[in-house]
Structure formats: structure tokens, C-alpha cells
C-alpha atoms as a PDB file:
ATOM      1  CA  MET A   1      -5.783   7.749  -1.016  1.00  0.00           C
ATOM      2  CA  GLU A   2      -4.259  11.175  -0.509  1.00  0.00           C
ATOM      3  CA  ARG A   3      -1.088  10.196  -2.396  1.00  0.00           C
ATOM      4  CA  LEU A   4      -3.195   8.874  -5.274  1.00  0.00           C
ATOM      5  CA  ARG A   5      -5.174  12.118  -5.297  1.00  0.00           C
ATOM      6  CA  THR A   6      -2.091  14.354  -5.306  1.00  0.00           C
ATOM      7  CA  GLY A   7      -0.256  12.343  -7.959  1.00  0.00           C
ATOM      8  CA  THR A   8       2.641  11.121  -5.833  1.00  0.00           C
ATOM      9  CA  LEU A   9       1.406   7.566  -6.489  1.00  0.00           C
ATOM     10  CA  ASP A  10       0.313   6.272  -9.890  1.00  0.00           C
ATOM     11  CA  VAL A  11      -1.662   3.303  -8.510  1.00  0.00           C
ATOM     12  CA  GLY A  12      -2.210   1.719  -5.109  1.00  0.00           C
ATOM     13  CA  PHE A  13      -3.780  -1.266  -3.424  1.00  0.00           C
ATOM     14  CA  LEU A  14      -6.810  -0.588  -1.217  1.00  0.00           C
ATOM     15  CA  ARG A  15      -9.621  -2.544   0.396  1.00  0.00           C
ATOM     16  CA  PRO A  16     -13.077  -1.285  -0.608  1.00  0.00           C
ATOM     17  CA  PRO A  17     -15.419   0.233   0.283  1.00  0.00           C
ATOM     18  CA  LEU A  18     -13.733   3.617   0.076  1.00  0.00           C
ATOM     19  CA  PRO A  19     -14.945   6.639   1.997  1.00  0.00           C
ATOM     20  CA  ASP A  20     -16.219   9.601   0.006  1.00  0.00           C
ATOM     21  CA  PRO A  21     -14.843  11.465  -1.906  1.00  0.00           C
ATOM     22  CA  GLY A  22     -12.321   8.707  -2.759  1.00  0.00           C
ATOM     23  CA  ALA A  23     -14.992   6.447  -4.158  1.00  0.00           C
ATOM     24  CA  ARG A  24     -15.706   8.989  -6.900  1.00  0.00           C
ATOM     25  CA  GLU A  25     -12.082   9.905  -7.641  1.00  0.00           C
ATOM     26  CA  LEU A  26     -10.628   6.426  -8.100  1.00  0.00           C
ATOM     27  CA  GLU A  27     -11.359   3.476 -10.331  1.00  0.00           C
ATOM     28  CA  LEU A  28     -11.100   0.183  -8.438  1.00  0.00           C
ATOM     29  CA  ILE A  29     -10.052  -3.026 -10.167  1.00  0.00           C
ATOM     30  CA  ALA A  30     -10.544  -6.144  -8.028  1.00  0.00           C
ATOM     31  CA  VAL A  31      -7.328  -8.180  -7.914  1.00  0.00           C
ATOM     32  CA  ALA A  32      -8.093 -10.595  -5.063  1.00  0.00           C
ATOM     33  CA  ARG A  33     -10.980 -11.862  -2.953  1.00  0.00           C
ATOM     34  CA  GLU A  34     -10.730 -13.599   0.420  1.00  0.00           C
ATOM     35  CA  GLU A  35     -12.628 -14.411   3.579  1.00  0.00           C
ATOM     36  CA  LEU A  36     -12.196 -12.759   6.939  1.00  0.00           C
ATOM     37  CA  VAL A  37     -10.971 -14.858   9.878  1.00  0.00           C
ATOM     38  CA  ALA A  38     -10.898 -14.382  13.632  1.00  0.00           C
ATOM     39  CA  VAL A  39      -7.547 -14.223  15.421  1.00  0.00           C
ATOM     40  CA  LEU A  40      -7.610 -15.526  18.997  1.00  0.00           C
ATOM     41  CA  PRO A  41      -4.815 -15.229  21.562  1.00  0.00           C
ATOM     42  CA  PRO A  42      -3.265 -18.194  23.367  1.00  0.00           C
ATOM     43  CA  GLY A  43      -5.503 -19.313  26.220  1.00  0.00           C
ATOM     44  CA  HIS A  44      -8.657 -17.751  24.768  1.00  0.00           C
ATOM     45  CA  ARG A  45     -11.801 -19.724  25.583  1.00  0.00           C
ATOM     46  CA  LEU A  46     -12.289 -20.464  21.836  1.00  0.00           C
ATOM     47  CA  ALA A  47      -8.602 -21.049  20.984  1.00  0.00           C
ATOM     48  CA  GLY A  48      -7.976 -24.175  18.992  1.00  0.00           C
ATOM     49  CA  ARG A  49     -11.336 -24.147  17.198  1.00  0.00           C
ATOM     50  CA  SER A  50     -11.281 -24.118  13.431  1.00  0.00           C
ATOM     51  CA  ALA A  51     -14.419 -21.942  13.223  1.00  0.00           C
ATOM     52  CA  VAL A  52     -16.154 -19.459  15.521  1.00  0.00           C
ATOM     53  CA  ARG A  53     -19.243 -17.301  15.379  1.00  0.00           C
ATOM     54  CA  LEU A  54     -18.436 -13.594  15.239  1.00  0.00           C
ATOM     55  CA  SER A  55     -21.167 -13.029  17.831  1.00  0.00           C
ATOM     56  CA  ALA A  56     -19.152 -15.185  20.280  1.00  0.00           C
ATOM     57  CA  LEU A  57     -16.540 -12.383  20.369  1.00  0.00           C
ATOM     58  CA  ARG A  58     -18.957  -9.661  21.470  1.00  0.00           C
ATOM     59  CA  ASP A  59     -17.471  -9.361  24.975  1.00  0.00           C
ATOM     60  CA  ASP A  60     -13.828  -9.494  23.887  1.00  0.00           C
ATOM     61  CA  PRO A  61     -11.599  -6.462  23.392  1.00  0.00           C
ATOM     62  CA  PHE A  62     -10.605  -5.962  19.735  1.00  0.00           C
ATOM     63  CA  VAL A  63      -7.278  -5.098  18.168  1.00  0.00           C
ATOM     64  CA  ARG A  64      -7.635  -3.438  14.785  1.00  0.00           C
ATOM     65  CA  ASN A  65      -6.332  -0.893  12.344  1.00  0.00           C
ATOM     66  CA  PRO A  66      -7.335   2.751  12.750  1.00  0.00           C
ATOM     67  CA  ARG A  67     -10.002   3.834  10.288  1.00  0.00           C
ATOM     68  CA  ARG A  68      -7.781   6.516   8.771  1.00  0.00           C
ATOM     69  CA  LEU A  69      -5.245   3.867   7.702  1.00  0.00           C
ATOM     70  CA  GLY A  70      -7.647   1.340   6.232  1.00  0.00           C
ATOM     71  CA  ALA A  71     -11.221   2.515   6.037  1.00  0.00           C
ATOM     72  CA  GLY A  72     -12.440  -0.388   3.880  1.00  0.00           C
ATOM     73  CA  LEU A  73     -11.364  -3.185   6.220  1.00  0.00           C
ATOM     74  CA  HIS A  74     -12.275  -1.129   9.284  1.00  0.00           C
ATOM     75  CA  GLU A  75     -15.787  -0.438   8.011  1.00  0.00           C
ATOM     76  CA  THR A  76     -16.337  -4.026   6.873  1.00  0.00           C
ATOM     77  CA  VAL A  77     -15.400  -5.488  10.262  1.00  0.00           C
ATOM     78  CA  THR A  78     -17.511  -2.890  12.079  1.00  0.00           C
ATOM     79  CA  ALA A  79     -20.531  -3.572   9.842  1.00  0.00           C
ATOM     80  CA  ARG A  80     -20.271  -7.335  10.342  1.00  0.00           C
ATOM     81  CA  CYS A  81     -20.062  -6.950  14.121  1.00  0.00           C
ATOM     82  CA  ARG A  82     -23.084  -4.640  14.090  1.00  0.00           C
ATOM     83  CA  ALA A  83     -24.972  -7.147  11.917  1.00  0.00           C
ATOM     84  CA  VAL A  84     -24.645  -9.755  14.687  1.00  0.00           C
ATOM     85  CA  GLY A  85     -25.614  -7.317  17.431  1.00  0.00           C
ATOM     86  CA  PHE A  86     -22.546  -5.622  18.859  1.00  0.00           C
ATOM     87  CA  GLU A  87     -20.086  -2.776  18.439  1.00  0.00           C
ATOM     88  CA  PRO A  88     -16.448  -3.907  18.616  1.00  0.00           C
ATOM     89  CA  ARG A  89     -14.794  -2.554  21.768  1.00  0.00           C
ATOM     90  CA  VAL A  90     -11.334  -1.447  20.642  1.00  0.00           C
ATOM     91  CA  ALA A  91      -8.553  -2.077  23.157  1.00  0.00           C
ATOM     92  CA  GLN A  92      -5.619  -1.364  20.855  1.00  0.00           C
ATOM     93  CA  GLU A  93      -4.995  -0.087  17.339  1.00  0.00           C
ATOM     94  CA  ALA A  94      -2.067  -0.924  15.078  1.00  0.00           C
ATOM     95  CA  VAL A  95      -0.860   0.449  11.763  1.00  0.00           C
ATOM     96  CA  ASP A  96      -0.507  -2.865   9.911  1.00  0.00           C
ATOM     97  CA  VAL A  97      -2.144  -6.275  10.071  1.00  0.00           C
ATOM     98  CA  ASP A  98       1.025  -8.086  11.182  1.00  0.00           C
ATOM     99  CA  THR A  99       1.230  -5.837  14.243  1.00  0.00           C
ATOM    100  CA  VAL A 100      -2.481  -6.444  14.897  1.00  0.00           C
ATOM    101  CA  VAL A 101      -1.788 -10.200  14.993  1.00  0.00           C
ATOM    102  CA  GLY A 102       1.275  -9.655  17.195  1.00  0.00           C
ATOM    103  CA  LEU A 103      -0.801  -7.673  19.688  1.00  0.00           C
ATOM    104  CA  VAL A 104      -3.394 -10.475  19.729  1.00  0.00           C
ATOM    105  CA  ALA A 105      -0.565 -12.947  20.431  1.00  0.00           C
ATOM    106  CA  ALA A 106       0.507 -10.714  23.331  1.00  0.00           C
ATOM    107  CA  GLY A 107      -2.996 -10.923  24.796  1.00  0.00           C
ATOM    108  CA  TYR A 108      -4.373  -7.469  24.012  1.00  0.00           C
ATOM    109  CA  GLY A 109      -7.585  -8.850  22.507  1.00  0.00           C
ATOM    110  CA  VAL A 110      -9.010 -10.596  19.451  1.00  0.00           C
ATOM    111  CA  ALA A 111      -9.027  -9.448  15.829  1.00  0.00           C
ATOM    112  CA  VAL A 112     -10.730 -10.035  12.503  1.00  0.00           C
ATOM    113  CA  VAL A 113      -8.296 -10.019   9.580  1.00  0.00           C
ATOM    114  CA  PRO A 114      -8.071 -11.151   5.944  1.00  0.00           C
ATOM    115  CA  ALA A 115      -7.538 -14.918   5.671  1.00  0.00           C
ATOM    116  CA  SER A 116      -4.243 -14.502   3.799  1.00  0.00           C
ATOM    117  CA  VAL A 117      -2.679 -13.295   7.048  1.00  0.00           C
ATOM    118  CA  ALA A 118      -3.159 -16.730   8.653  1.00  0.00           C
ATOM    119  CA  GLY A 119      -0.149 -18.258   6.949  1.00  0.00           C
ATOM    120  CA  ARG A 120       2.302 -15.728   8.326  1.00  0.00           C
ATOM    121  CA  GLY A 121       1.110 -15.172  11.897  1.00  0.00           C
ATOM    122  CA  PRO A 122       2.683 -16.386  15.140  1.00  0.00           C
ATOM    123  CA  ARG A 123       2.172 -20.082  15.821  1.00  0.00           C
ATOM    124  CA  ASP A 124       0.568 -19.559  19.224  1.00  0.00           C
ATOM    125  CA  VAL A 125      -2.502 -17.672  17.941  1.00  0.00           C
ATOM    126  CA  THR A 126      -5.593 -19.361  16.535  1.00  0.00           C
ATOM    127  CA  PHE A 127      -6.883 -18.318  13.126  1.00  0.00           C
ATOM    128  CA  ALA A 128     -10.513 -19.453  12.922  1.00  0.00           C
ATOM    129  CA  ARG A 129     -13.013 -19.228  10.072  1.00  0.00           C
ATOM    130  CA  LEU A 130     -15.999 -17.029  10.818  1.00  0.00           C
ATOM    131  CA  VAL A 131     -19.397 -18.746  10.754  1.00  0.00           C
ATOM    132  CA  PRO A 132     -21.270 -17.655   8.766  1.00  0.00           C
ATOM    133  CA  ALA A 133     -18.364 -16.510   6.589  1.00  0.00           C
ATOM    134  CA  GLY A 134     -20.113 -13.540   5.001  1.00  0.00           C
ATOM    135  CA  PRO A 135     -19.173 -12.224   1.596  1.00  0.00           C
ATOM    136  CA  PRO A 136     -15.463 -12.192   0.714  1.00  0.00           C
ATOM    137  CA  ILE A 137     -13.576  -8.935   0.968  1.00  0.00           C
ATOM    138  CA  GLU A 138     -11.663  -7.509  -1.974  1.00  0.00           C
ATOM    139  CA  LEU A 139      -8.218  -6.153  -2.507  1.00  0.00           C
ATOM    140  CA  ALA A 140      -8.391  -3.646  -5.346  1.00  0.00           C
ATOM    141  CA  LEU A 141      -5.969  -1.762  -7.500  1.00  0.00           C
ATOM    142  CA  ALA A 142      -6.919   1.907  -7.186  1.00  0.00           C
ATOM    143  CA  VAL A 143      -6.349   4.034 -10.270  1.00  0.00           C
ATOM    144  CA  PRO A 144      -6.760   7.841 -10.205  1.00  0.00           C
ATOM    145  CA  ASP A 145      -8.994   9.540 -12.742  1.00  0.00           C
ATOM    146  CA  ARG A 146      -6.137  11.007 -14.805  1.00  0.00           C
ATOM    147  CA  PRO A 147      -3.941   9.762 -17.648  1.00  0.00           C
ATOM    148  CA  PRO A 148      -1.558   7.138 -16.214  1.00  0.00           C
ATOM    149  CA  SER A 149       2.169   6.904 -16.841  1.00  0.00           C
ATOM    150  CA  PRO A 150       3.129   4.287 -19.458  1.00  0.00           C
ATOM    151  CA  VAL A 151       4.343   1.885 -16.748  1.00  0.00           C
ATOM    152  CA  ALA A 152       1.175   2.354 -14.681  1.00  0.00           C
ATOM    153  CA  GLU A 153      -0.925   1.878 -17.804  1.00  0.00           C
ATOM    154  CA  ARG A 154       0.718  -1.516 -18.475  1.00  0.00           C
ATOM    155  CA  PHE A 155       0.350  -2.521 -14.817  1.00  0.00           C
ATOM    156  CA  VAL A 156      -3.371  -1.650 -14.854  1.00  0.00           C
ATOM    157  CA  ALA A 157      -3.842  -3.581 -18.105  1.00  0.00           C
ATOM    158  CA  LEU A 158      -2.202  -6.637 -16.536  1.00  0.00           C
ATOM    159  CA  ALA A 159      -4.471  -6.382 -13.479  1.00  0.00           C
ATOM    160  CA  ARG A 160      -7.512  -6.241 -15.747  1.00  0.00           C
ATOM    161  CA  ASP A 161      -6.326  -9.240 -17.765  1.00  0.00           C
ATOM    162  CA  LEU A 162      -5.617 -11.416 -14.723  1.00  0.00           C
ATOM    163  CA  GLY A 163      -8.896 -10.651 -12.966  1.00  0.00           C
ATOM    164  CA  PRO A 164      -9.388 -11.258  -9.256  1.00  0.00           C
ATOM    165  CA  VAL A 165      -7.761 -14.315  -7.675  1.00  0.00           C
ATOM    166  CA  ARG A 166      -9.255 -16.159  -4.727  1.00  0.00           C
ATOM    167  CA  LEU A 167      -6.964 -16.128  -1.673  1.00  0.00           C
ATOM    168  CA  SER A 168      -7.306 -18.699   1.073  1.00  0.00           C
ATOM    169  CA  PRO A 169      -5.503 -19.277   4.354  1.00  0.00           C
END
């Protein structure tokens, strides 16, 4: 968000909701929607199931991204955990989602990630649908409130024309 604000990036991909003041400074164009899934390490009591209740993970340590590097996903996962009666207990944080899944595979805890990650994770982890699924999360193209470069303008127009796609695992 800072690079979009300062003009060193013309556009960027973010997961809403955005923290203030970013929400007021950027236009968001939804480009994809997908479910969240649980990631379970090998040997986990629920490993191998195709679906799990989020509330069943209340006593597990969580691996997740730090809020400062992905506030939208961080806040969404936190809100969904709170909605089913618990605060996720963070055992480890990682900069990107692939590292989050790798740390789950190494046994550091469980995670909740976008479903599109399921196709590229290690084979020994379980990716399980969350029941109930909850609303899909979005991936959005973030556009600063300033005149775009010609290339960025065409890219934004293409994103608007295509509309959001539905991603699945």
C-alpha cells in the first residue's frame, strides 16, 4: 500500500478489506474470488478429511502472515475465528503463503489460506474445505487516486472488462 501511495507502483494486487487510510486512497477492482481452506500438517488428528469446522482448530497453534504484510487476509481469518468463538494462537508467522504452508508441513501448526494455494502445496499436508465455508475472499487490483500511466490505464481497463473470476482448489 505504501508503494501505491508514494507512486513507486502504478497498480497492485491486494486482499480486501484494507486498513484505513488505504481504503480511502485506493480504488479496488475485484479480479478473483475464492474460498478459504484449512491446511493441516501430516499426522494431525483431522488430516485426510476433505472438510473441517474452523471451530475444531481452536486449540491448534496457527501459522499465518503478519498483519503488516497482508492486512486483508489476516483480518478475515481473525474475524472468522472470532465468529466461531476463539482467537487464533499464532505460533509462527511467514512473509508469503507458500512459506506458511511449508511451516505447516514441518509441524509448526495449522493455517487458513486461499483455496488457490491447495494446488501448489506439499503433498503431505491436508487442504480441507471449511464448514461452513463463509463468504469468498477477494483478490483486488488496487488503483491509486491519481492519473494512471497509459500502460496502467489499459491494464485497469482490462481488469474491469474481465470482471472477477472464481478460483477453486
